[in-house]
Each structure stands twice: as C-alpha cells, then as structure tokens.
Amino acid sequence: MIPPRSPRLDDRDIAILAILSREGRIAKTDLATRVNLSPTPCWDRMKRLEQAGLIRGYRAQVDLAALGPHVQVFVTVELDSHRAESFQMFERVIARTDAVTGCWAIGGGYDYLMQVIAPDVAAFQALMDGLLDSRAGVRRYFSYIVTKPVKDQPPASALLG
C-alpha cells in the first residue's frame, strides 16, 4: 500500500499547526485572526490538515502532580532476541499496558525507550517485574526516575516554530 502524500503546506498551514500544537483549545475565530485568515478558510484548512493525517487529535495537558502522588520513569529496554516476532510480541504487550504512556523503538545500544507513569516506585517495580516474567522478551532494562520536569512541549513546536 502506498502511503498518502502529505499536502503541500504554506506558511499559514504551518502557523495553524504550530498554534494548535501549543493551544489545542484556541477558538477558531482567534486562530483565524492569528494566521490572518477569515474563519471559514481557516476552518477549511484545519479540516484539510486533519483529513491528511497531520492533525491526529486534540488533547488536554493534564497536571499529574495535581491529581496526586506519582512517579514518572524513562526506561531503556533490551530484548532477548532481535527477531521480528520478538519485536512484535513486545510491542503488543506494551500496547496493552496503560502505565506505559510512550514507547519508541530506538537505534543504538537499546531496543526501546519507554515512558512510564505509576502511582509510586513499588508499582513501577511491579510493572517491570511483570514484564520480565511475561512473554514480552525483555532481557534487561535501565530505569531513570524523573526528579524534576525541565521542559515539556508538543513535538510539533520544534518542527514548526
């Protein structure tokens, strides 16, 4: 299957994407004003960007600390085997694991980088013990507990300005 082509983006499309990546709840009229368009053409561009798959959704950025105690951990993972089935099995297990809020296949010395949110260190360790005991194929992992967030911005901001 041939992947869909990204539409040609002009400066206004890029401005729309950049603003929405930072301010997903901006009023459409305010967005239109900020990109120097009337509301209807701005709305049409947003719909085109959504249909092209450039806008996958809109989310709230939740302050986890306000919800209660938690621990955020980044984990590098090395698998037992580097066969395609091993990667597929690991990815299926991770897809069903709610505490894993992000997971990326990476090049270099490790196979994956995961982001985990857990109520506490004991819950994080129980999750990792479960992964080691499961058929996920984890050989070893290294965990890095977040002690202080320094910067957290939508990825699109870095690409779009």
N, C-alpha and C. Protein backbone atom coordinates (compact mmCIF):
# COMPACT_ATOMS: atom_id res chain seq x y z
N MET A 1 0.84 -1.18 0.00
CA MET A 1 0.00 0.00 0.00
C MET A 1 0.88 1.25 0.00
N ILE A 2 0.57 2.18 -0.85
CA ILE A 2 1.35 3.42 -0.95
C ILE A 2 0.86 4.38 0.12
N PRO A 3 1.80 4.92 0.93
CA PRO A 3 1.38 5.87 1.98
C PRO A 3 0.84 7.14 1.35
N PRO A 4 -0.15 7.77 2.00
CA PRO A 4 -0.70 9.01 1.45
C PRO A 4 0.37 10.10 1.45
N ARG A 5 0.32 10.93 0.45
CA ARG A 5 1.27 12.04 0.37
C ARG A 5 0.80 13.17 1.25
N SER A 6 1.75 13.79 1.90
CA SER A 6 1.42 14.96 2.69
C SER A 6 1.08 16.10 1.75
N PRO A 7 0.07 16.89 2.10
CA PRO A 7 -0.26 18.02 1.24
C PRO A 7 0.86 19.06 1.30
N ARG A 8 0.92 19.87 0.29
CA ARG A 8 1.88 20.98 0.31
C ARG A 8 1.41 21.97 1.36
N LEU A 9 2.32 22.36 2.21
CA LEU A 9 1.99 23.28 3.29
C LEU A 9 2.56 24.65 2.99
N ASP A 10 1.73 25.66 3.16
CA ASP A 10 2.24 27.03 3.04
C ASP A 10 2.44 27.59 4.44
N ASP A 11 2.85 28.85 4.51
CA ASP A 11 3.15 29.46 5.81
C ASP A 11 1.94 29.47 6.74
N ARG A 12 0.74 29.66 6.20
CA ARG A 12 -0.45 29.66 7.05
C ARG A 12 -0.77 28.28 7.60
N ASP A 13 -0.60 27.24 6.78
CA ASP A 13 -0.80 25.88 7.26
C ASP A 13 0.17 25.58 8.41
N ILE A 14 1.41 25.95 8.23
CA ILE A 14 2.43 25.72 9.26
C ILE A 14 2.09 26.51 10.52
N ALA A 15 1.62 27.74 10.35
CA ALA A 15 1.23 28.55 11.51
C ALA A 15 0.04 27.90 12.24
N ILE A 16 -0.92 27.39 11.50
CA ILE A 16 -2.07 26.71 12.11
C ILE A 16 -1.59 25.50 12.92
N LEU A 17 -0.74 24.69 12.34
CA LEU A 17 -0.22 23.51 13.05
C LEU A 17 0.56 23.90 14.30
N ALA A 18 1.39 24.92 14.19
CA ALA A 18 2.20 25.35 15.34
C ALA A 18 1.31 25.85 16.47
N ILE A 19 0.32 26.66 16.14
CA ILE A 19 -0.57 27.21 17.18
C ILE A 19 -1.40 26.09 17.81
N LEU A 20 -1.96 25.21 16.99
CA LEU A 20 -2.78 24.12 17.53
C LEU A 20 -1.96 23.15 18.38
N SER A 21 -0.68 22.98 18.05
CA SER A 21 0.14 22.06 18.85
C SER A 21 0.40 22.62 20.25
N ARG A 22 0.33 23.94 20.39
CA ARG A 22 0.53 24.57 21.70
C ARG A 22 -0.79 24.90 22.38
N GLU A 23 -1.81 25.23 21.60
CA GLU A 23 -3.08 25.73 22.14
C GLU A 23 -4.24 25.02 21.45
N GLY A 24 -4.42 23.75 21.72
CA GLY A 24 -5.44 22.95 21.04
C GLY A 24 -6.86 23.45 21.23
N ARG A 25 -7.11 24.20 22.31
CA ARG A 25 -8.48 24.68 22.58
C ARG A 25 -8.70 26.11 22.12
N ILE A 26 -7.83 26.65 21.32
CA ILE A 26 -8.00 28.02 20.85
C ILE A 26 -9.30 28.12 20.05
N ALA A 27 -10.01 29.20 20.24
CA ALA A 27 -11.24 29.41 19.46
C ALA A 27 -10.89 29.57 17.99
N LYS A 28 -11.74 29.01 17.15
CA LYS A 28 -11.45 29.06 15.71
C LYS A 28 -11.33 30.49 15.20
N THR A 29 -12.12 31.38 15.75
CA THR A 29 -12.03 32.78 15.30
C THR A 29 -10.69 33.39 15.73
N ASP A 30 -10.22 33.04 16.92
CA ASP A 30 -8.91 33.54 17.37
C ASP A 30 -7.79 32.96 16.52
N LEU A 31 -7.90 31.69 16.20
CA LEU A 31 -6.90 31.06 15.33
C LEU A 31 -6.88 31.75 13.97
N ALA A 32 -8.04 31.97 13.42
CA ALA A 32 -8.13 32.63 12.11
C ALA A 32 -7.48 34.01 12.14
N THR A 33 -7.74 34.76 13.21
CA THR A 33 -7.15 36.09 13.35
C THR A 33 -5.63 35.99 13.42
N ARG A 34 -5.13 35.03 14.18
CA ARG A 34 -3.68 34.90 14.38
C ARG A 34 -2.95 34.47 13.12
N VAL A 35 -3.64 33.77 12.21
CA VAL A 35 -2.98 33.37 10.96
C VAL A 35 -3.43 34.24 9.78
N ASN A 36 -4.13 35.33 10.10
CA ASN A 36 -4.54 36.32 9.10
C ASN A 36 -5.45 35.73 8.02
N LEU A 37 -6.46 34.99 8.48
CA LEU A 37 -7.48 34.44 7.60
C LEU A 37 -8.85 34.73 8.19
N SER A 38 -9.87 34.67 7.36
CA SER A 38 -11.23 34.72 7.90
C SER A 38 -11.56 33.32 8.43
N PRO A 39 -12.56 33.21 9.30
CA PRO A 39 -12.84 31.92 9.95
C PRO A 39 -13.11 30.75 8.99
N THR A 40 -13.89 30.95 7.94
CA THR A 40 -14.23 29.82 7.07
C THR A 40 -13.01 29.25 6.35
N PRO A 41 -12.16 30.05 5.71
CA PRO A 41 -10.95 29.47 5.10
C PRO A 41 -10.02 28.82 6.12
N CYS A 42 -9.96 29.39 7.32
CA CYS A 42 -9.13 28.80 8.37
C CYS A 42 -9.68 27.43 8.75
N TRP A 43 -11.00 27.34 8.93
CA TRP A 43 -11.66 26.08 9.26
C TRP A 43 -11.43 25.05 8.15
N ASP A 44 -11.52 25.49 6.89
CA ASP A 44 -11.29 24.59 5.75
C ASP A 44 -9.87 24.03 5.79
N ARG A 45 -8.91 24.89 6.11
CA ARG A 45 -7.52 24.43 6.20
C ARG A 45 -7.35 23.42 7.34
N MET A 46 -7.97 23.69 8.48
CA MET A 46 -7.89 22.75 9.61
C MET A 46 -8.44 21.39 9.20
N LYS A 47 -9.59 21.39 8.55
CA LYS A 47 -10.21 20.13 8.11
C LYS A 47 -9.30 19.40 7.12
N ARG A 48 -8.67 20.14 6.20
CA ARG A 48 -7.76 19.53 5.22
C ARG A 48 -6.55 18.92 5.95
N LEU A 49 -6.02 19.62 6.94
CA LEU A 49 -4.88 19.11 7.71
C LEU A 49 -5.28 17.87 8.52
N GLU A 50 -6.50 17.85 9.05
CA GLU A 50 -7.00 16.67 9.77
C GLU A 50 -7.15 15.50 8.81
N GLN A 51 -7.78 15.74 7.65
CA GLN A 51 -8.02 14.66 6.68
C GLN A 51 -6.71 14.10 6.13
N ALA A 52 -5.68 14.94 6.06
CA ALA A 52 -4.38 14.49 5.58
C ALA A 52 -3.61 13.73 6.66
N GLY A 53 -4.16 13.70 7.87
CA GLY A 53 -3.49 12.98 8.95
C GLY A 53 -2.41 13.78 9.67
N LEU A 54 -2.29 15.06 9.34
CA LEU A 54 -1.29 15.89 10.02
C LEU A 54 -1.75 16.30 11.41
N ILE A 55 -3.05 16.38 11.61
CA ILE A 55 -3.62 16.61 12.95
C ILE A 55 -4.32 15.33 13.33
N ARG A 56 -3.76 14.61 14.31
CA ARG A 56 -4.31 13.31 14.69
C ARG A 56 -5.33 13.43 15.81
N GLY A 57 -5.38 14.55 16.50
CA GLY A 57 -6.34 14.70 17.58
C GLY A 57 -6.00 15.90 18.43
N TYR A 58 -6.82 16.12 19.44
CA TYR A 58 -6.67 17.25 20.35
C TYR A 58 -6.71 16.69 21.76
N ARG A 59 -5.80 17.13 22.62
CA ARG A 59 -5.73 16.59 23.98
C ARG A 59 -5.52 17.71 24.98
N ALA A 60 -5.89 17.38 26.21
CA ALA A 60 -5.59 18.26 27.33
C ALA A 60 -4.24 17.85 27.91
N GLN A 61 -3.47 18.81 28.33
CA GLN A 61 -2.22 18.52 29.03
C GLN A 61 -2.54 18.51 30.52
N VAL A 62 -2.57 17.33 31.11
CA VAL A 62 -3.00 17.14 32.48
C VAL A 62 -1.82 17.32 33.44
N ASP A 63 -2.03 18.06 34.50
CA ASP A 63 -1.02 18.23 35.54
C ASP A 63 -1.11 17.04 36.48
N LEU A 64 -0.25 16.06 36.28
CA LEU A 64 -0.31 14.83 37.07
C LEU A 64 -0.08 15.09 38.56
N ALA A 65 0.76 16.05 38.89
CA ALA A 65 1.03 16.36 40.29
C ALA A 65 -0.25 16.83 40.99
N ALA A 66 -1.12 17.51 40.27
CA ALA A 66 -2.37 17.98 40.86
C ALA A 66 -3.33 16.82 41.13
N LEU A 67 -3.15 15.71 40.43
CA LEU A 67 -4.01 14.55 40.64
C LEU A 67 -3.58 13.73 41.86
N GLY A 68 -2.34 13.85 42.24
CA GLY A 68 -1.85 13.11 43.39
C GLY A 68 -0.45 12.60 43.16
N PRO A 69 0.09 11.92 44.16
CA PRO A 69 1.46 11.42 44.05
C PRO A 69 1.61 10.45 42.87
N HIS A 70 2.74 10.50 42.23
CA HIS A 70 3.05 9.60 41.13
C HIS A 70 4.55 9.62 40.89
N VAL A 71 5.01 8.70 40.09
CA VAL A 71 6.40 8.67 39.67
C VAL A 71 6.40 8.53 38.15
N GLN A 72 7.26 9.30 37.52
CA GLN A 72 7.44 9.20 36.06
C GLN A 72 8.83 8.63 35.83
N VAL A 73 8.90 7.60 34.99
CA VAL A 73 10.16 6.90 34.78
C VAL A 73 10.38 6.70 33.28
N PHE A 74 11.59 6.97 32.84
CA PHE A 74 12.00 6.60 31.49
C PHE A 74 12.81 5.32 31.60
N VAL A 75 12.55 4.39 30.70
CA VAL A 75 13.15 3.07 30.78
C VAL A 75 13.73 2.70 29.42
N THR A 76 15.01 2.31 29.41
CA THR A 76 15.59 1.74 28.19
C THR A 76 15.46 0.23 28.31
N VAL A 77 15.09 -0.40 27.21
CA VAL A 77 14.80 -1.84 27.20
C VAL A 77 15.62 -2.52 26.12
N GLU A 78 16.19 -3.66 26.51
CA GLU A 78 16.87 -4.53 25.55
C GLU A 78 16.12 -5.86 25.53
N LEU A 79 15.83 -6.35 24.33
CA LEU A 79 15.10 -7.60 24.19
C LEU A 79 16.06 -8.79 24.14
N ASP A 80 15.53 -9.97 24.50
CA ASP A 80 16.30 -11.22 24.44
C ASP A 80 16.72 -11.55 23.01
N SER A 81 15.80 -11.34 22.09
CA SER A 81 16.01 -11.73 20.71
C SER A 81 15.72 -10.55 19.80
N HIS A 82 16.40 -10.52 18.68
CA HIS A 82 16.16 -9.45 17.71
C HIS A 82 15.49 -9.97 16.44
N ARG A 83 14.64 -10.96 16.62
CA ARG A 83 13.84 -11.46 15.52
C ARG A 83 12.58 -10.62 15.42
N ALA A 84 12.02 -10.55 14.24
CA ALA A 84 10.82 -9.72 14.02
C ALA A 84 9.70 -10.10 14.97
N GLU A 85 9.51 -11.40 15.24
CA GLU A 85 8.44 -11.84 16.13
C GLU A 85 8.64 -11.31 17.54
N SER A 86 9.90 -11.18 17.96
CA SER A 86 10.19 -10.69 19.31
C SER A 86 9.78 -9.22 19.45
N PHE A 87 10.10 -8.44 18.44
CA PHE A 87 9.71 -7.03 18.47
C PHE A 87 8.18 -6.90 18.46
N GLN A 88 7.53 -7.70 17.62
CA GLN A 88 6.07 -7.66 17.52
C GLN A 88 5.42 -8.06 18.84
N MET A 89 5.95 -9.09 19.49
CA MET A 89 5.39 -9.55 20.78
C MET A 89 5.55 -8.45 21.84
N PHE A 90 6.73 -7.88 21.93
CA PHE A 90 6.97 -6.82 22.90
C PHE A 90 6.00 -5.66 22.66
N GLU A 91 5.87 -5.24 21.43
CA GLU A 91 5.01 -4.10 21.10
C GLU A 91 3.54 -4.40 21.40
N ARG A 92 3.11 -5.63 21.20
CA ARG A 92 1.72 -6.00 21.56
C ARG A 92 1.51 -5.91 23.07
N VAL A 93 2.46 -6.40 23.84
CA VAL A 93 2.35 -6.35 25.30
C VAL A 93 2.32 -4.90 25.76
N ILE A 94 3.20 -4.07 25.24
CA ILE A 94 3.27 -2.66 25.65
C ILE A 94 2.00 -1.91 25.25
N ALA A 95 1.44 -2.23 24.10
CA ALA A 95 0.22 -1.56 23.65
C ALA A 95 -0.93 -1.78 24.63
N ARG A 96 -0.91 -2.90 25.37
CA ARG A 96 -1.97 -3.21 26.34
C ARG A 96 -1.63 -2.74 27.75
N THR A 97 -0.50 -2.09 27.94
CA THR A 97 -0.04 -1.70 29.27
C THR A 97 -0.28 -0.21 29.48
N ASP A 98 -1.33 0.13 30.21
CA ASP A 98 -1.72 1.54 30.38
C ASP A 98 -0.66 2.40 31.05
N ALA A 99 0.12 1.82 31.95
CA ALA A 99 1.13 2.61 32.67
C ALA A 99 2.24 3.09 31.73
N VAL A 100 2.41 2.42 30.60
CA VAL A 100 3.40 2.86 29.60
C VAL A 100 2.70 3.90 28.74
N THR A 101 3.08 5.15 28.92
CA THR A 101 2.40 6.25 28.23
C THR A 101 3.11 6.65 26.94
N GLY A 102 4.30 6.14 26.72
CA GLY A 102 5.03 6.40 25.49
C GLY A 102 6.04 5.28 25.31
N CYS A 103 6.25 4.88 24.06
CA CYS A 103 7.25 3.85 23.78
C CYS A 103 7.76 4.07 22.37
N TRP A 104 9.08 4.08 22.25
CA TRP A 104 9.71 4.35 20.96
C TRP A 104 10.76 3.28 20.69
N ALA A 105 10.76 2.73 19.48
CA ALA A 105 11.86 1.86 19.04
C ALA A 105 13.02 2.80 18.73
N ILE A 106 14.21 2.45 19.22
CA ILE A 106 15.36 3.35 19.05
C ILE A 106 16.55 2.59 18.49
N GLY A 107 17.44 3.31 17.85
CA GLY A 107 18.68 2.74 17.37
C GLY A 107 19.76 2.95 18.43
N GLY A 108 20.83 2.19 18.32
CA GLY A 108 21.90 2.32 19.29
C GLY A 108 21.97 1.09 20.16
N GLY A 109 22.34 1.25 21.41
CA GLY A 109 22.58 0.12 22.29
C GLY A 109 21.33 -0.55 22.83
N TYR A 110 20.18 0.10 22.81
CA TYR A 110 18.95 -0.46 23.34
C TYR A 110 17.92 -0.55 22.24
N ASP A 111 16.88 -1.30 22.52
CA ASP A 111 15.84 -1.52 21.50
C ASP A 111 14.69 -0.53 21.62
N TYR A 112 14.33 -0.17 22.88
CA TYR A 112 13.18 0.70 23.10
C TYR A 112 13.46 1.69 24.22
N LEU A 113 12.77 2.81 24.14
CA LEU A 113 12.71 3.78 25.23
C LEU A 113 11.24 3.91 25.59
N MET A 114 10.94 3.68 26.87
CA MET A 114 9.56 3.76 27.33
C MET A 114 9.41 4.89 28.35
N GLN A 115 8.24 5.47 28.37
CA GLN A 115 7.85 6.43 29.40
C GLN A 115 6.76 5.76 30.23
N VAL A 116 6.97 5.71 31.54
CA VAL A 116 6.04 5.03 32.43
C VAL A 116 5.56 6.00 33.50
N ILE A 117 4.27 6.00 33.77
CA ILE A 117 3.69 6.76 34.89
C ILE A 117 3.08 5.74 35.84
N ALA A 118 3.50 5.79 37.10
CA ALA A 118 2.99 4.85 38.11
C ALA A 118 2.69 5.61 39.39
N PRO A 119 1.82 5.05 40.24
CA PRO A 119 1.49 5.74 41.50
C PRO A 119 2.70 5.91 42.42
N ASP A 120 3.63 4.95 42.37
CA ASP A 120 4.81 5.03 43.23
C ASP A 120 5.88 4.08 42.68
N VAL A 121 7.05 4.07 43.31
CA VAL A 121 8.15 3.24 42.84
C VAL A 121 7.80 1.75 42.94
N ALA A 122 7.09 1.36 43.99
CA ALA A 122 6.70 -0.04 44.14
C ALA A 122 5.81 -0.49 42.98
N ALA A 123 4.88 0.34 42.58
CA ALA A 123 4.01 0.00 41.45
C ALA A 123 4.81 -0.07 40.15
N PHE A 124 5.77 0.83 39.99
CA PHE A 124 6.64 0.78 38.81
C PHE A 124 7.41 -0.53 38.80
N GLN A 125 7.98 -0.91 39.96
CA GLN A 125 8.78 -2.13 40.02
C GLN A 125 7.92 -3.36 39.75
N ALA A 126 6.69 -3.36 40.25
CA ALA A 126 5.78 -4.47 39.98
C ALA A 126 5.49 -4.59 38.49
N LEU A 127 5.33 -3.45 37.82
CA LEU A 127 5.11 -3.45 36.37
C LEU A 127 6.31 -4.07 35.67
N MET A 128 7.51 -3.65 36.04
CA MET A 128 8.71 -4.16 35.38
C MET A 128 8.92 -5.65 35.68
N ASP A 129 8.65 -6.06 36.92
CA ASP A 129 8.75 -7.48 37.26
C ASP A 129 7.79 -8.30 36.40
N GLY A 130 6.59 -7.76 36.21
CA GLY A 130 5.62 -8.43 35.35
C GLY A 130 6.09 -8.53 33.91
N LEU A 131 6.72 -7.48 33.41
CA LEU A 131 7.25 -7.53 32.04
C LEU A 131 8.36 -8.57 31.93
N LEU A 132 9.21 -8.63 32.94
CA LEU A 132 10.29 -9.62 32.91
C LEU A 132 9.74 -11.05 32.95
N ASP A 133 8.68 -11.27 33.68
CA ASP A 133 8.07 -12.60 33.81
C ASP A 133 7.17 -12.96 32.63
N SER A 134 6.75 -11.97 31.88
CA SER A 134 5.81 -12.20 30.78
C SER A 134 6.56 -12.71 29.55
N ARG A 135 5.81 -12.87 28.50
CA ARG A 135 6.39 -13.29 27.21
C ARG A 135 6.83 -12.09 26.39
N ALA A 136 7.01 -10.93 27.02
CA ALA A 136 7.39 -9.73 26.29
C ALA A 136 8.82 -9.81 25.76
N GLY A 137 9.66 -10.68 26.34
CA GLY A 137 11.00 -10.87 25.81
C GLY A 137 12.03 -9.86 26.30
N VAL A 138 11.80 -9.25 27.45
CA VAL A 138 12.75 -8.26 27.97
C VAL A 138 13.96 -8.98 28.56
N ARG A 139 15.14 -8.65 28.05
CA ARG A 139 16.38 -9.21 28.60
C ARG A 139 16.81 -8.40 29.81
N ARG A 140 16.87 -7.09 29.63
CA ARG A 140 17.24 -6.21 30.74
C ARG A 140 16.72 -4.82 30.45
N TYR A 141 16.70 -4.02 31.49
CA TYR A 141 16.22 -2.65 31.36
C TYR A 141 16.98 -1.77 32.35
N PHE A 142 16.99 -0.49 32.05
CA PHE A 142 17.56 0.51 32.94
C PHE A 142 16.51 1.59 33.13
N SER A 143 16.28 1.97 34.37
CA SER A 143 15.23 2.94 34.66
C SER A 143 15.84 4.25 35.14
N TYR A 144 15.18 5.34 34.76
CA TYR A 144 15.62 6.69 35.08
C TYR A 144 14.41 7.45 35.62
N ILE A 145 14.38 7.65 36.92
CA ILE A 145 13.24 8.31 37.56
C ILE A 145 13.35 9.82 37.35
N VAL A 146 12.28 10.43 36.92
CA VAL A 146 12.25 11.87 36.71
C VAL A 146 12.18 12.55 38.08
N THR A 147 13.14 13.41 38.35
CA THR A 147 13.15 14.13 39.63
C THR A 147 12.55 15.53 39.51
N LYS A 148 12.57 16.07 38.28
CA LYS A 148 12.01 17.40 38.06
C LYS A 148 11.80 17.61 36.56
N PRO A 149 10.59 17.97 36.17
CA PRO A 149 10.41 18.30 34.75
C PRO A 149 11.09 19.62 34.44
N VAL A 150 11.81 19.68 33.35
CA VAL A 150 12.52 20.89 32.97
C VAL A 150 11.87 21.54 31.76
N LYS A 151 11.48 20.72 30.79
CA LYS A 151 10.83 21.25 29.59
C LYS A 151 9.92 20.16 29.03
N ASP A 152 8.72 20.55 28.67
CA ASP A 152 7.76 19.62 28.11
C ASP A 152 6.89 20.39 27.13
N GLN A 153 7.16 20.23 25.86
CA GLN A 153 6.37 20.93 24.86
C GLN A 153 5.96 19.95 23.78
N PRO A 154 4.91 20.26 23.04
CA PRO A 154 4.49 19.37 21.97
C PRO A 154 5.60 19.21 20.94
N PRO A 155 5.82 18.00 20.42
CA PRO A 155 6.90 17.80 19.45
C PRO A 155 6.78 18.69 18.22
N ALA A 156 5.56 19.00 17.80
CA ALA A 156 5.38 19.81 16.61
C ALA A 156 6.00 21.20 16.77
N SER A 157 6.07 21.70 17.99
CA SER A 157 6.62 23.04 18.21
C SER A 157 8.05 23.14 17.72
N ALA A 158 8.83 22.07 17.88
CA ALA A 158 10.22 22.09 17.46
C ALA A 158 10.35 22.11 15.94
N LEU A 159 9.40 21.50 15.26
CA LEU A 159 9.47 21.43 13.80
C LEU A 159 8.81 22.61 13.11
N LEU A 160 7.84 23.19 13.78
CA LEU A 160 7.01 24.20 13.11
C LEU A 160 7.29 25.62 13.56
N GLY A 161 8.00 25.79 14.64
CA GLY A 161 8.33 27.14 15.09
C GLY A 161 7.38 27.74 16.05
